[in-house]
Amino acid sequence: MNGWNRFNQVATWMVKIAYLNVLWILFSIFGLLVFGLFPATVAIFTIVRKWFHGEKELAIFSCFWSIFRGEFIKANGYALLFLAAGYLLYYDFIFLQLNEGQLVFLYPIFIFLAIVYIVTLLYFFVVYVHFDLKFFQTIKQSFLIAAVSPIETLLMVASFFILYWIVRLIPGIIPLFTGSILAIVITWIGHRAFAKIERKKEIRS
């Protein structure tokens, strides 16, 4: 009986995770990707955070829709910021490639800026849903937490590569698990980083 209950519990959670992932994809498409991706991702991270804090029985669709609608404008403000920064980095990369022999000294600067961009984006969603910060404070804290949490940052990067490898092996999991599983993993790693920072603060105080 215990074995059956455990199996039933695992199956229930797999259905919830798959359902959340489908909502993430549909709402991203609903917003034509450009305007839907960030609000949908904020929604998926918010629900995962609620799960981590013990809210296991929440109504997934109504919660997702409420967050998507409520965060639509603000989340898209961040989307435009990251999109613009990503475009500038891409443009700089192309420019450096075209002038490779003359601007070699700029490569370290480009690599540094690219790393700052990537690690900030890695932490952005988990920081956004966990803390109540002003617009640019969220960006700043995302980078600072990444900078002082090298192990967690490497774990996040590794999780992306592992998921990419799994998707290459089993492409059929894309509509069912990719976004939600990644949100769960990043939330777990992010909370680990937050806890370590809090412990350091307590020791210093």
Protein backbone atom coordinates (compact mmCIF):
# COMPACT_ATOMS: atom_id res chain seq x y z
CA MET A 1 0.00 0.00 0.00
CA ASN A 2 2.84 2.38 0.87
CA GLY A 3 4.52 1.53 -2.43
CA TRP A 4 1.31 2.26 -4.33
CA ASN A 5 0.80 5.55 -2.49
CA ARG A 6 4.35 6.57 -3.31
CA PHE A 7 3.85 5.69 -6.97
CA ASN A 8 0.56 7.60 -7.04
CA GLN A 9 2.23 10.64 -5.46
CA VAL A 10 5.08 10.59 -8.00
CA ALA A 11 2.62 10.20 -10.88
CA THR A 12 0.52 13.11 -9.57
CA TRP A 13 3.57 15.36 -9.39
CA MET A 14 4.68 14.35 -12.89
CA VAL A 15 1.25 15.35 -14.21
CA LYS A 16 1.44 18.69 -12.36
CA ILE A 17 4.94 19.40 -13.69
CA ALA A 18 3.92 18.47 -17.24
CA TYR A 19 0.75 20.60 -17.00
CA LEU A 20 2.76 23.58 -15.76
CA ASN A 21 5.19 23.16 -18.66
CA VAL A 22 2.35 23.04 -21.20
CA LEU A 23 0.91 26.26 -19.73
CA TRP A 24 4.34 27.89 -19.98
CA ILE A 25 4.61 26.99 -23.67
CA LEU A 26 1.02 27.98 -24.51
CA PHE A 27 1.19 31.34 -22.71
CA SER A 28 4.57 32.09 -24.29
CA ILE A 29 3.04 31.44 -27.72
CA PHE A 30 -0.07 33.40 -26.70
CA GLY A 31 2.21 36.41 -26.20
CA LEU A 32 3.90 35.79 -29.56
CA LEU A 33 7.02 34.57 -27.68
CA VAL A 34 8.56 38.06 -27.57
CA PHE A 35 5.87 39.38 -25.22
CA GLY A 36 4.81 36.08 -23.66
CA LEU A 37 8.06 34.40 -22.66
CA PHE A 38 9.06 36.55 -19.68
CA PRO A 39 5.58 36.81 -18.07
CA ALA A 40 5.07 33.06 -18.56
CA THR A 41 8.49 32.32 -17.08
CA VAL A 42 7.78 34.59 -14.09
CA ALA A 43 4.54 32.62 -13.61
CA ILE A 44 6.25 29.23 -13.75
CA PHE A 45 8.94 30.31 -11.26
CA THR A 46 6.34 31.81 -8.92
CA ILE A 47 4.33 28.58 -8.85
CA VAL A 48 7.47 26.49 -8.31
CA ARG A 49 8.44 28.80 -5.43
CA LYS A 50 4.97 28.30 -3.91
CA TRP A 51 5.49 24.53 -4.16
CA PHE A 52 8.83 24.87 -2.39
CA HIS A 53 7.10 26.80 0.39
CA GLY A 54 4.49 24.10 0.96
CA GLU A 55 1.58 25.31 -1.20
CA LYS A 56 1.12 21.92 -2.86
CA GLU A 57 -2.60 22.10 -3.69
CA LEU A 58 -2.88 25.47 -5.43
CA ALA A 59 -5.02 25.79 -8.57
CA ILE A 60 -2.31 25.82 -11.21
CA PHE A 61 -4.19 27.38 -14.13
CA SER A 62 -5.87 30.21 -12.22
CA CYS A 63 -2.63 30.98 -10.37
CA PHE A 64 -0.62 30.94 -13.62
CA TRP A 65 -3.12 33.18 -15.41
CA SER A 66 -3.28 35.64 -12.51
CA ILE A 67 0.52 35.98 -12.36
CA PHE A 68 0.89 36.17 -16.15
CA ARG A 69 -1.68 38.95 -16.36
CA GLY A 70 -0.44 40.83 -13.29
CA GLU A 71 3.25 40.72 -14.25
CA PHE A 72 2.80 41.17 -18.01
CA ILE A 73 3.94 44.80 -18.31
CA LYS A 74 6.74 44.70 -15.73
CA ALA A 75 8.10 41.36 -16.96
CA ASN A 76 8.15 42.64 -20.53
CA GLY A 77 10.09 45.69 -19.35
CA TYR A 78 12.80 43.28 -18.23
CA ALA A 79 12.41 41.31 -21.47
CA LEU A 80 13.12 44.42 -23.53
CA LEU A 81 16.13 45.23 -21.36
CA PHE A 82 17.63 41.75 -21.71
CA LEU A 83 16.78 41.66 -25.41
CA ALA A 84 18.50 45.01 -26.01
CA ALA A 85 21.57 43.95 -24.00
CA GLY A 86 21.69 40.61 -25.83
CA TYR A 87 21.43 42.35 -29.19
CA LEU A 88 24.28 44.71 -28.29
CA LEU A 89 26.45 41.77 -27.23
CA TYR A 90 25.65 39.95 -30.47
CA TYR A 91 26.41 43.08 -32.51
CA ASP A 92 29.71 43.54 -30.64
CA PHE A 93 30.62 39.90 -31.29
CA ILE A 94 29.98 40.27 -35.04
CA PHE A 95 31.95 43.54 -35.06
CA LEU A 96 34.90 41.86 -33.31
CA GLN A 97 34.77 38.95 -35.74
CA LEU A 98 34.92 41.32 -38.71
CA ASN A 99 37.86 43.22 -37.19
CA GLU A 100 39.58 40.28 -35.55
CA GLY A 101 43.15 41.32 -36.22
CA GLN A 102 42.75 44.91 -35.09
CA LEU A 103 40.61 44.63 -31.94
CA VAL A 104 41.99 41.55 -30.19
CA PHE A 105 42.48 43.58 -26.99
CA LEU A 106 38.68 44.00 -26.73
CA TYR A 107 37.97 40.25 -26.52
CA PRO A 108 38.53 39.99 -22.73
CA ILE A 109 36.07 42.87 -22.19
CA PHE A 110 33.50 41.19 -24.44
CA ILE A 111 33.92 37.83 -22.67
CA PHE A 112 33.51 39.52 -19.27
CA LEU A 113 30.33 41.33 -20.37
CA ALA A 114 28.93 38.12 -21.89
CA ILE A 115 29.53 36.24 -18.62
CA VAL A 116 27.87 39.06 -16.62
CA TYR A 117 24.87 38.90 -18.96
CA ILE A 118 24.52 35.11 -18.77
CA VAL A 119 24.86 34.74 -14.98
CA THR A 120 22.52 37.69 -14.37
CA LEU A 121 19.90 36.09 -16.60
CA LEU A 122 20.42 32.72 -14.88
CA TYR A 123 19.50 34.17 -11.49
CA PHE A 124 17.01 36.78 -12.67
CA PHE A 125 13.74 34.84 -12.43
CA VAL A 126 14.42 33.17 -9.10
CA VAL A 127 15.50 36.54 -7.63
CA TYR A 128 12.53 38.34 -9.18
CA VAL A 129 9.93 36.03 -7.62
CA HIS A 130 11.72 35.68 -4.27
CA PHE A 131 12.47 39.32 -3.42
CA ASP A 132 10.39 42.47 -3.63
CA LEU A 133 12.90 44.81 -5.28
CA LYS A 134 12.81 47.86 -7.51
CA PHE A 135 13.38 47.47 -11.25
CA PHE A 136 17.16 47.84 -11.49
CA GLN A 137 17.78 46.43 -8.01
CA THR A 138 16.54 43.07 -9.30
CA ILE A 139 19.16 43.12 -12.06
CA LYS A 140 21.88 44.20 -9.63
CA GLN A 141 21.01 41.56 -7.03
CA SER A 142 20.83 38.83 -9.67
CA PHE A 143 24.42 39.57 -10.69
CA LEU A 144 25.72 40.03 -7.14
CA ILE A 145 24.21 36.74 -5.94
CA ALA A 146 25.72 34.98 -8.95
CA ALA A 147 29.11 36.57 -8.24
CA VAL A 148 29.21 35.49 -4.57
CA SER A 149 27.79 32.01 -5.29
CA PRO A 150 30.24 30.46 -7.80
CA ILE A 151 29.34 26.85 -6.96
CA GLU A 152 25.60 27.46 -7.39
CA THR A 153 26.25 29.41 -10.59
CA LEU A 154 28.25 26.51 -12.02
CA LEU A 155 25.48 24.11 -10.97
CA MET A 156 22.95 26.23 -12.89
CA VAL A 157 25.13 26.24 -16.00
CA ALA A 158 25.65 22.47 -15.67
CA SER A 159 21.88 21.92 -15.33
CA PHE A 160 21.32 23.70 -18.65
CA PHE A 161 23.87 21.50 -20.41
CA ILE A 162 22.47 18.32 -18.83
CA LEU A 163 18.92 19.24 -19.85
CA TYR A 164 20.13 20.09 -23.36
CA TRP A 165 21.81 16.68 -23.58
CA ILE A 166 18.64 14.91 -22.35
CA VAL A 167 16.48 16.82 -24.85
CA ARG A 168 18.84 15.77 -27.65
CA LEU A 169 18.39 12.15 -26.57
CA ILE A 170 14.62 12.38 -25.93
CA PRO A 171 13.13 15.29 -27.93
CA GLY A 172 9.61 14.25 -26.92
CA ILE A 173 10.05 15.64 -23.40
CA ILE A 174 10.19 19.26 -24.68
CA PRO A 175 6.42 19.93 -24.44
CA LEU A 176 6.12 18.10 -21.12
CA PHE A 177 9.03 18.80 -18.81
CA THR A 178 11.81 21.13 -20.05
CA GLY A 179 10.69 24.52 -18.72
CA SER A 180 9.16 23.29 -15.48
CA ILE A 181 12.05 20.95 -14.61
CA LEU A 182 14.55 23.73 -15.29
CA ALA A 183 12.52 26.11 -13.10
CA ILE A 184 12.50 23.53 -10.28
CA VAL A 185 16.26 22.95 -10.52
CA ILE A 186 17.13 26.66 -10.74
CA THR A 187 14.77 27.48 -7.85
CA TRP A 188 16.39 24.80 -5.69
CA ILE A 189 19.90 26.04 -6.54
CA GLY A 190 18.84 29.67 -6.09
CA HIS A 191 17.35 28.99 -2.66
CA ARG A 192 20.57 27.21 -1.72
CA ALA A 193 22.53 30.34 -2.71
CA PHE A 194 20.14 32.59 -0.75
CA ALA A 195 20.47 30.39 2.35
CA LYS A 196 24.29 30.47 2.18
CA ILE A 197 24.28 34.26 1.92
CA GLU A 198 21.90 34.52 4.89
CA ARG A 199 24.14 32.23 6.97
CA LYS A 200 27.17 34.40 6.17
CA LYS A 201 25.23 37.51 7.23
CA GLU A 202 24.25 35.86 10.54
CA ILE A 203 27.87 34.87 11.25
CA ARG A 204 29.10 38.41 10.56
CA SER A 205 26.40 39.96 12.74
